[in-house]
Structure formats: C-alpha cells, structure tokens
Amino acid sequence: MRAGRSSGEAGRIASGAVSAVALGASWINQVERLFALITDKQIRRGVHRSTEALENDIRVFIDAHNTNAKPFRWTKSADDILAAIHRFCVKTQQLGRTAESGH
C-alpha cells in the first residue's frame, strides 16, 4: 500500500495503488495497518524533539516505504473469516440468552 502526503495524491492512491485486496475487505483496515507500521517502525524508534521533526521523520519513512511498496497480504481465507464471524455470532447469541434469563 502506498501512502500519500496531500489530498491531491489521494485520487492517484485510491485509483490503483492498492492491489490484491480480499473481496469484502475494508480499506480502513489497510489504513490502520499503515499507521501501525509507521508507529512500529518510525515513531517508537525515534526521538522527536518537536512536532515538525516528527512530521519530517514520518514523511521520510513514507517516501522510503513507497519506493518499494508491496500490497498487504491477507493471511486468512474467506472461509476462515466467515467461520470466525459465525463463531462470534453464536457466542453473542448465547450471551444474549444468558442475560435475558438472568444467569
């Protein structure tokens, strides 16, 4: 996933920079993943004496990341995800029944 700096780049990024995204996957998950990557690789490892220094370091990191950008890979199949959702729904329904019965 490529990350941009300005709203002018947003159209270019949204129009094809992200590839191999699982069907039904939310783009917000990829945005969250990018922020986690920036946090892990840049923010926690650096010493930033000002907001300006932090912003500059994040931009440098994004530029370096974009020179060799690769799509994020989904590690679960659609069947695995649907099975997890089903398990969640069953547990939620069981909890609802327990709450209704007062136990």
C-alpha atoms as a PDB file:
ATOM      1  CA  MET A   1       0.000   0.000   0.000  1.00  0.00           C
ATOM      2  CA  ARG A   2       1.345   3.376  -0.903  1.00  0.00           C
ATOM      3  CA  ALA A   3       0.813   6.321   1.366  1.00  0.00           C
ATOM      4  CA  GLY A   4       0.472   9.865   0.173  1.00  0.00           C
ATOM      5  CA  ARG A   5       1.063  13.260   1.680  1.00  0.00           C
ATOM      6  CA  SER A   6      -1.539  15.504   0.168  1.00  0.00           C
ATOM      7  CA  SER A   7      -5.165  15.364  -0.809  1.00  0.00           C
ATOM      8  CA  GLY A   8      -4.014  15.808  -4.415  1.00  0.00           C
ATOM      9  CA  GLU A   9      -2.385  12.405  -4.248  1.00  0.00           C
ATOM     10  CA  ALA A  10      -5.471  10.776  -2.752  1.00  0.00           C
ATOM     11  CA  GLY A  11      -7.124  10.202  -6.117  1.00  0.00           C
ATOM     12  CA  ARG A  12      -3.997   8.587  -7.519  1.00  0.00           C
ATOM     13  CA  ILE A  13      -3.614   6.360  -4.493  1.00  0.00           C
ATOM     14  CA  ALA A  14      -7.253   5.322  -4.432  1.00  0.00           C
ATOM     15  CA  SER A  15      -7.277   4.629  -8.166  1.00  0.00           C
ATOM     16  CA  GLY A  16      -4.949   1.661  -8.145  1.00  0.00           C
ATOM     17  CA  ALA A  17      -2.017   1.754  -5.789  1.00  0.00           C
ATOM     18  CA  VAL A  18      -3.574  -0.949  -3.616  1.00  0.00           C
ATOM     19  CA  SER A  19      -3.782  -4.350  -5.217  1.00  0.00           C
ATOM     20  CA  ALA A  20      -4.624  -7.923  -4.256  1.00  0.00           C
ATOM     21  CA  VAL A  21      -7.202  -6.897  -1.654  1.00  0.00           C
ATOM     22  CA  ALA A  22      -9.518  -9.654  -0.488  1.00  0.00           C
ATOM     23  CA  LEU A  23     -13.135  -9.232  -1.539  1.00  0.00           C
ATOM     24  CA  GLY A  24     -15.180  -7.607   1.182  1.00  0.00           C
ATOM     25  CA  ALA A  25     -12.096  -6.244   2.921  1.00  0.00           C
ATOM     26  CA  SER A  26     -12.414  -2.743   4.230  1.00  0.00           C
ATOM     27  CA  TRP A  27      -9.937  -0.118   3.022  1.00  0.00           C
ATOM     28  CA  ILE A  28      -9.900   1.263   6.542  1.00  0.00           C
ATOM     29  CA  ASN A  29      -8.145  -1.917   7.699  1.00  0.00           C
ATOM     30  CA  GLN A  30      -5.293  -1.124   5.337  1.00  0.00           C
ATOM     31  CA  VAL A  31      -5.134   2.458   6.567  1.00  0.00           C
ATOM     32  CA  GLU A  32      -4.966   1.183  10.147  1.00  0.00           C
ATOM     33  CA  ARG A  33      -2.243  -1.252   9.134  1.00  0.00           C
ATOM     34  CA  LEU A  34      -0.212   1.572   7.573  1.00  0.00           C
ATOM     35  CA  PHE A  35      -0.495   3.637  10.765  1.00  0.00           C
ATOM     36  CA  ALA A  36       0.594   0.610  12.803  1.00  0.00           C
ATOM     37  CA  LEU A  37       3.587   0.166  10.508  1.00  0.00           C
ATOM     38  CA  ILE A  38       4.571   3.837  10.875  1.00  0.00           C
ATOM     39  CA  THR A  39       4.141   3.592  14.643  1.00  0.00           C
ATOM     40  CA  ASP A  40       6.222   0.408  14.953  1.00  0.00           C
ATOM     41  CA  LYS A  41       8.970   1.303  12.508  1.00  0.00           C
ATOM     42  CA  GLN A  42       9.328   5.064  12.934  1.00  0.00           C
ATOM     43  CA  ILE A  43       7.568   6.695  15.863  1.00  0.00           C
ATOM     44  CA  ARG A  44       8.549   4.251  18.626  1.00  0.00           C
ATOM     45  CA  ARG A  45      12.140   4.000  17.391  1.00  0.00           C
ATOM     46  CA  GLY A  46      12.793   7.704  17.044  1.00  0.00           C
ATOM     47  CA  VAL A  47      13.434  10.652  19.269  1.00  0.00           C
ATOM     48  CA  HIS A  48      11.444  13.635  18.082  1.00  0.00           C
ATOM     49  CA  ARG A  49      12.170  16.937  19.758  1.00  0.00           C
ATOM     50  CA  SER A  50       9.331  18.783  18.017  1.00  0.00           C
ATOM     51  CA  THR A  51       6.159  18.175  16.062  1.00  0.00           C
ATOM     52  CA  GLU A  52       7.964  19.398  12.958  1.00  0.00           C
ATOM     53  CA  ALA A  53      10.728  16.807  13.454  1.00  0.00           C
ATOM     54  CA  LEU A  54       8.142  14.055  13.930  1.00  0.00           C
ATOM     55  CA  GLU A  55       6.264  15.082  10.780  1.00  0.00           C
ATOM     56  CA  ASN A  56       9.504  15.177   8.800  1.00  0.00           C
ATOM     57  CA  ASP A  57      10.551  11.725  10.020  1.00  0.00           C
ATOM     58  CA  ILE A  58       7.133  10.282   9.111  1.00  0.00           C
ATOM     59  CA  ARG A  59       7.372  11.808   5.614  1.00  0.00           C
ATOM     60  CA  VAL A  60      10.877  10.389   5.150  1.00  0.00           C
ATOM     61  CA  PHE A  61       9.616   6.971   6.278  1.00  0.00           C
ATOM     62  CA  ILE A  62       6.646   7.120   3.879  1.00  0.00           C
ATOM     63  CA  ASP A  63       8.886   8.152   0.977  1.00  0.00           C
ATOM     64  CA  ALA A  64      11.259   5.264   1.712  1.00  0.00           C
ATOM     65  CA  HIS A  65       8.340   2.852   2.106  1.00  0.00           C
ATOM     66  CA  ASN A  66       6.802   3.984  -1.188  1.00  0.00           C
ATOM     67  CA  THR A  67       9.991   3.341  -3.171  1.00  0.00           C
ATOM     68  CA  ASN A  68       9.472  -0.392  -2.606  1.00  0.00           C
ATOM     69  CA  ALA A  69       5.775  -0.610  -1.744  1.00  0.00           C
ATOM     70  CA  LYS A  70       4.146  -4.020  -1.700  1.00  0.00           C
ATOM     71  CA  PRO A  71       0.488  -4.851  -1.145  1.00  0.00           C
ATOM     72  CA  PHE A  72      -0.514  -6.039   2.295  1.00  0.00           C
ATOM     73  CA  ARG A  73      -1.244  -9.755   2.248  1.00  0.00           C
ATOM     74  CA  TRP A  74      -4.332 -11.166   3.868  1.00  0.00           C
ATOM     75  CA  THR A  75      -3.429 -14.269   5.856  1.00  0.00           C
ATOM     76  CA  LYS A  76      -6.897 -15.719   6.269  1.00  0.00           C
ATOM     77  CA  SER A  77      -9.082 -17.197   3.590  1.00  0.00           C
ATOM     78  CA  ALA A  78     -12.662 -16.061   3.112  1.00  0.00           C
ATOM     79  CA  ASP A  79     -13.823 -19.365   4.632  1.00  0.00           C
ATOM     80  CA  ASP A  80     -11.699 -18.764   7.758  1.00  0.00           C
ATOM     81  CA  ILE A  81     -13.111 -15.253   8.152  1.00  0.00           C
ATOM     82  CA  LEU A  82     -16.705 -16.416   7.672  1.00  0.00           C
ATOM     83  CA  ALA A  83     -16.179 -19.230  10.199  1.00  0.00           C
ATOM     84  CA  ALA A  84     -14.835 -16.726  12.746  1.00  0.00           C
ATOM     85  CA  ILE A  85     -17.848 -14.473  12.168  1.00  0.00           C
ATOM     86  CA  HIS A  86     -20.173 -17.429  12.640  1.00  0.00           C
ATOM     87  CA  ARG A  87     -18.454 -18.375  15.934  1.00  0.00           C
ATOM     88  CA  PHE A  88     -18.776 -14.770  17.109  1.00  0.00           C
ATOM     89  CA  CYS A  89     -22.488 -14.682  16.246  1.00  0.00           C
ATOM     90  CA  VAL A  90     -23.140 -17.952  18.084  1.00  0.00           C
ATOM     91  CA  LYS A  91     -21.318 -16.709  21.206  1.00  0.00           C
ATOM     92  CA  THR A  92     -23.121 -13.373  21.066  1.00  0.00           C
ATOM     93  CA  GLN A  93     -26.498 -15.083  20.806  1.00  0.00           C
ATOM     94  CA  GLN A  94     -25.619 -17.358  23.736  1.00  0.00           C
ATOM     95  CA  LEU A  95     -24.592 -14.353  25.839  1.00  0.00           C
ATOM     96  CA  GLY A  96     -27.837 -12.601  24.947  1.00  0.00           C
ATOM     97  CA  ARG A  97     -29.884 -15.583  26.067  1.00  0.00           C
ATOM     98  CA  THR A  98     -27.943 -15.785  29.349  1.00  0.00           C
ATOM     99  CA  ALA A  99     -28.510 -12.087  30.026  1.00  0.00           C
ATOM    100  CA  GLU A 100     -32.223 -12.389  29.280  1.00  0.00           C
ATOM    101  CA  SER A 101     -32.633 -15.348  31.652  1.00  0.00           C
ATOM    102  CA  GLY A 102     -30.803 -13.526  34.451  1.00  0.00           C
ATOM    103  CA  HIS A 103     -27.982 -16.049  34.811  1.00  0.00           C
END
